[in-house]
Amino acid sequence: MKEGPDIAHIAALIGDPARANMLTALMSGKALTVSELAEEAGVTIQTASSHLSKLDDGGLLRPRKQGRHKYFALASDEVAHVLEGLMGLAAGSGYLRKRTGPRDAELRLARVCYNHLAGDMGTQMFDSLVERGHLVLDGEELELTEAGVAFATGFEIDIESLRKARAPVCRECLDWSERRSHLAGSLGRAFLGRFEELSWAKRDQKTRVVTFTRNGAEKFNKLFPVT
């Protein structure tokens, strides 16, 4: 039998409904406690602890202790990237949650995907950056051009600092609601961070919705026009 990655093991970890709900809750990029994740999954704290232990052993989570509390976050951008891809695959195949809430339209417009912008505004930003030659796809690799460096620097993003970090600067992420790409990687996080610093937008930690002010939306559309 040929050796290779055991995708069945990882798929089984993600495939449990309670664990899937916990992982989805962590897509906000915020670390959550066992009790918070138990509530998200609709299980007892004891059951949640068992699920979290399995996810941790599987390399999908990064536990952190602060005082008496233990928090859990997604282990990496790679985990978030896989989860967003699975959401897109599920949506494209018609496997949608039966319950929809009043904030579904807001989630589709703009939301957090592990600390970068997703939804309609996220794909708009990606398309605009590609159209104007700031990003280029080289095979499967997404690269920031010199024009893109100048653009990001003009928006007060320190590209050199991003390049020194271990995380990829630019990454293409399939948006589950738009079925098109949005910008992930450290540059995607930096853009969302700047929108918040400038008070253009604010994220709701509980729902992952990103709400732009009227002024912020106008400036965003001016900064990222699409034809």
Protein backbone atom coordinates (compact mmCIF):
# COMPACT_ATOMS: atom_id res chain seq x y z
CA MET A 1 0.00 0.00 0.00
CA LYS A 2 1.39 3.39 -0.97
CA GLU A 3 2.16 5.85 1.78
CA GLY A 4 0.64 9.33 1.69
CA PRO A 5 -1.21 11.92 3.72
CA ASP A 6 -4.11 10.48 5.73
CA ILE A 7 -6.87 12.82 4.57
CA ALA A 8 -9.50 10.47 6.03
CA HIS A 9 -8.28 11.24 9.56
CA ILE A 10 -8.47 15.02 9.08
CA ALA A 11 -11.80 14.73 7.27
CA ALA A 12 -13.23 12.68 10.16
CA LEU A 13 -12.10 15.33 12.65
CA ILE A 14 -13.77 18.12 10.69
CA GLY A 15 -16.78 16.01 9.71
CA ASP A 16 -18.33 15.71 13.15
CA PRO A 17 -21.14 18.34 13.35
CA ALA A 18 -20.16 19.60 16.81
CA ARG A 19 -16.49 19.92 15.87
CA ALA A 20 -17.42 21.56 12.56
CA ASN A 21 -19.45 24.19 14.44
CA MET A 22 -16.53 24.87 16.77
CA LEU A 23 -14.10 25.29 13.88
CA THR A 24 -16.53 27.58 12.07
CA ALA A 25 -16.83 29.75 15.18
CA LEU A 26 -13.05 30.09 15.28
CA MET A 27 -13.02 31.43 11.70
CA SER A 28 -13.50 34.87 13.26
CA GLY A 29 -9.82 34.73 14.20
CA LYS A 30 -10.71 35.21 17.86
CA ALA A 31 -9.61 32.66 20.49
CA LEU A 32 -12.55 31.19 22.42
CA THR A 33 -12.90 29.32 25.70
CA VAL A 34 -14.22 25.79 26.14
CA SER A 35 -17.56 27.09 27.45
CA GLU A 36 -17.94 29.49 24.52
CA LEU A 37 -17.19 26.70 22.04
CA ALA A 38 -19.54 24.33 23.87
CA GLU A 39 -22.33 26.88 23.39
CA GLU A 40 -21.48 27.23 19.68
CA ALA A 41 -21.62 23.45 19.25
CA GLY A 42 -24.71 22.90 21.42
CA VAL A 43 -22.95 20.36 23.66
CA THR A 44 -21.90 20.13 27.30
CA ILE A 45 -18.54 21.51 28.43
CA GLN A 46 -17.31 17.96 29.11
CA THR A 47 -18.22 16.85 25.58
CA ALA A 48 -16.70 20.02 24.13
CA SER A 49 -13.43 19.35 25.98
CA SER A 50 -13.28 15.88 24.45
CA HIS A 51 -13.86 17.27 20.94
CA LEU A 52 -11.26 20.02 21.44
CA SER A 53 -8.70 17.50 22.63
CA LYS A 54 -9.16 15.52 19.40
CA LEU A 55 -8.89 18.66 17.26
CA ASP A 56 -5.77 19.72 19.15
CA ASP A 57 -4.16 16.28 18.74
CA GLY A 58 -5.00 16.46 15.04
CA GLY A 59 -3.08 19.73 14.67
CA LEU A 60 -6.12 21.85 13.84
CA LEU A 61 -6.10 24.00 16.98
CA ARG A 62 -3.66 26.09 18.97
CA PRO A 63 -4.51 26.15 22.69
CA ARG A 64 -3.39 29.09 24.83
CA LYS A 65 -3.58 29.70 28.56
CA GLN A 66 -4.19 33.11 30.08
CA GLY A 67 -4.61 33.16 33.82
CA ARG A 68 -7.12 30.51 34.82
CA HIS A 69 -8.65 30.31 31.37
CA LYS A 70 -7.68 28.16 28.42
CA TYR A 71 -8.42 29.51 24.96
CA PHE A 72 -8.47 27.81 21.59
CA ALA A 73 -7.73 29.28 18.16
CA LEU A 74 -7.22 27.77 14.72
CA ALA A 75 -3.70 26.41 14.38
CA SER A 76 -2.83 28.36 11.23
CA ASP A 77 -3.94 30.14 8.07
CA GLU A 78 -3.72 26.74 6.37
CA VAL A 79 -6.53 25.36 8.54
CA ALA A 80 -8.71 28.42 7.85
CA HIS A 81 -7.99 28.10 4.12
CA VAL A 82 -9.17 24.47 4.11
CA LEU A 83 -12.32 25.32 6.09
CA GLU A 84 -13.28 28.19 3.77
CA GLY A 85 -12.71 25.88 0.80
CA LEU A 86 -15.00 23.26 2.34
CA MET A 87 -17.66 25.92 2.93
CA GLY A 88 -17.47 26.85 -0.76
CA LEU A 89 -17.69 23.20 -1.80
CA ALA A 90 -20.69 22.62 0.48
CA ALA A 91 -22.48 25.75 -0.76
CA GLY A 92 -21.77 24.86 -4.39
CA SER A 93 -23.17 21.36 -3.87
CA GLY A 94 -26.32 22.68 -2.22
CA TYR A 95 -25.41 21.60 1.31
CA LEU A 96 -26.53 24.65 3.25
CA ARG A 97 -27.60 24.98 6.85
CA LYS A 98 -31.37 24.78 7.16
CA ARG A 99 -31.63 27.81 9.43
CA THR A 100 -30.93 31.26 8.09
CA GLY A 101 -30.75 34.34 10.26
CA PRO A 102 -31.41 38.02 9.78
CA ARG A 103 -27.69 38.70 9.42
CA ASP A 104 -27.11 36.29 6.52
CA ALA A 105 -27.23 39.14 3.96
CA GLU A 106 -24.69 41.06 6.03
CA LEU A 107 -22.40 38.01 6.19
CA ARG A 108 -22.52 37.70 2.41
CA LEU A 109 -21.69 41.39 1.99
CA ALA A 110 -18.69 41.55 4.31
CA ARG A 111 -17.38 39.20 6.99
CA VAL A 112 -14.19 38.08 8.66
CA CYS A 113 -12.49 34.96 7.33
CA TYR A 114 -9.73 34.34 9.87
CA ASN A 115 -8.72 38.00 10.12
CA HIS A 116 -9.09 38.93 6.46
CA LEU A 117 -12.05 40.36 4.56
CA ALA A 118 -14.45 37.98 2.82
CA GLY A 119 -17.85 38.26 1.16
CA ASP A 120 -18.85 40.54 -1.69
CA MET A 121 -16.54 43.36 -0.54
CA GLY A 122 -13.66 40.92 -0.13
CA THR A 123 -13.99 39.63 -3.70
CA GLN A 124 -14.38 43.22 -4.94
CA MET A 125 -11.07 44.14 -3.34
CA PHE A 126 -9.37 41.09 -4.85
CA ASP A 127 -10.78 41.72 -8.34
CA SER A 128 -9.77 45.38 -8.20
CA LEU A 129 -6.20 44.57 -7.16
CA VAL A 130 -5.88 42.05 -9.99
CA GLU A 131 -7.50 44.33 -12.61
CA ARG A 132 -5.10 47.15 -11.79
CA GLY A 133 -2.02 44.94 -11.86
CA HIS A 134 -1.31 45.04 -8.13
CA LEU A 135 -1.71 41.26 -7.84
CA VAL A 136 -0.86 38.63 -10.46
CA LEU A 137 -1.45 34.90 -10.53
CA ASP A 138 1.70 32.99 -11.52
CA GLY A 139 0.42 29.44 -11.93
CA GLU A 140 -1.14 28.75 -8.55
CA GLU A 141 0.94 31.38 -6.76
CA LEU A 142 -0.46 34.84 -6.04
CA GLU A 143 2.20 37.53 -6.18
CA LEU A 144 2.30 41.20 -5.22
CA THR A 145 3.77 43.32 -8.01
CA GLU A 146 5.95 46.41 -7.57
CA ALA A 147 2.87 48.51 -8.34
CA GLY A 148 1.06 46.56 -5.63
CA VAL A 149 3.85 47.25 -3.15
CA ALA A 150 3.61 50.97 -3.90
CA PHE A 151 -0.19 50.87 -3.56
CA ALA A 152 -0.10 49.05 -0.21
CA THR A 153 2.71 51.29 1.08
CA GLY A 154 0.64 54.34 0.15
CA PHE A 155 -2.13 52.88 2.30
CA GLU A 156 0.40 52.76 5.17
CA ILE A 157 0.95 48.99 5.12
CA ASP A 158 4.54 47.94 5.89
CA ILE A 159 5.23 45.32 3.23
CA GLU A 160 8.80 44.66 4.39
CA SER A 161 7.56 43.67 7.83
CA LEU A 162 5.01 41.34 6.24
CA ARG A 163 7.72 39.73 4.13
CA LYS A 164 9.87 39.02 7.19
CA ALA A 165 7.09 37.01 8.83
CA ARG A 166 6.69 33.29 8.17
CA ALA A 167 3.13 33.57 6.85
CA PRO A 168 2.66 34.10 3.09
CA VAL A 169 2.09 37.75 2.15
CA CYS A 170 -0.56 37.01 -0.47
CA ARG A 171 -2.85 34.07 -0.74
CA GLU A 172 -5.92 33.34 -2.83
CA CYS A 173 -8.87 32.07 -0.79
CA LEU A 174 -12.10 30.75 -2.32
CA ASP A 175 -15.01 32.72 -0.92
CA TRP A 176 -17.84 30.33 0.05
CA SER A 177 -20.66 32.82 -0.58
CA GLU A 178 -19.32 34.46 -3.73
CA ARG A 179 -17.61 31.35 -5.22
CA ARG A 180 -14.78 33.65 -6.27
CA SER A 181 -11.47 34.53 -4.69
CA HIS A 182 -10.73 36.98 -1.92
CA LEU A 183 -7.34 38.02 -0.53
CA ALA A 184 -5.90 36.04 2.37
CA GLY A 185 -2.38 35.98 3.81
CA SER A 186 -0.72 38.67 5.89
CA LEU A 187 -1.59 41.37 3.33
CA GLY A 188 -5.29 40.48 3.57
CA ARG A 189 -5.08 40.81 7.35
CA ALA A 190 -3.21 44.10 7.05
CA PHE A 191 -5.87 45.62 4.78
CA LEU A 192 -8.67 44.67 7.19
CA GLY A 193 -6.62 46.04 10.06
CA ARG A 194 -6.23 49.38 8.26
CA PHE A 195 -9.98 49.57 7.56
CA GLU A 196 -10.54 49.21 11.30
CA GLU A 197 -7.79 51.69 12.23
CA LEU A 198 -9.33 54.28 9.91
CA SER A 199 -12.81 53.59 11.38
CA TRP A 200 -14.08 52.56 7.96
CA ALA A 201 -15.32 49.26 9.34
CA LYS A 202 -15.93 47.34 12.53
CA ARG A 203 -16.15 43.59 13.04
CA ASP A 204 -18.76 41.83 15.15
CA GLN A 205 -16.85 39.12 17.04
CA LYS A 206 -19.97 37.02 17.63
CA THR A 207 -21.28 36.84 14.07
CA ARG A 208 -18.13 37.55 11.94
CA VAL A 209 -20.06 40.36 10.21
CA VAL A 210 -17.92 43.33 9.15
CA THR A 211 -19.97 46.53 9.08
CA PHE A 212 -18.71 49.46 7.02
CA THR A 213 -19.81 53.00 7.81
CA ARG A 214 -21.31 54.98 4.95
CA ASN A 215 -18.12 57.03 4.70
CA GLY A 216 -16.00 53.89 4.95
CA ALA A 217 -17.92 52.15 2.18
CA GLU A 218 -17.56 55.18 -0.09
CA LYS A 219 -13.80 55.31 0.49
CA PHE A 220 -13.50 51.55 0.05
CA ASN A 221 -15.28 51.68 -3.31
CA LYS A 222 -13.07 54.55 -4.41
CA LEU A 223 -9.93 52.69 -3.35
CA PHE A 224 -10.99 49.40 -4.92
CA PRO A 225 -12.99 50.19 -8.08
CA VAL A 226 -13.99 47.40 -10.45
CA THR A 227 -15.08 47.61 -14.06
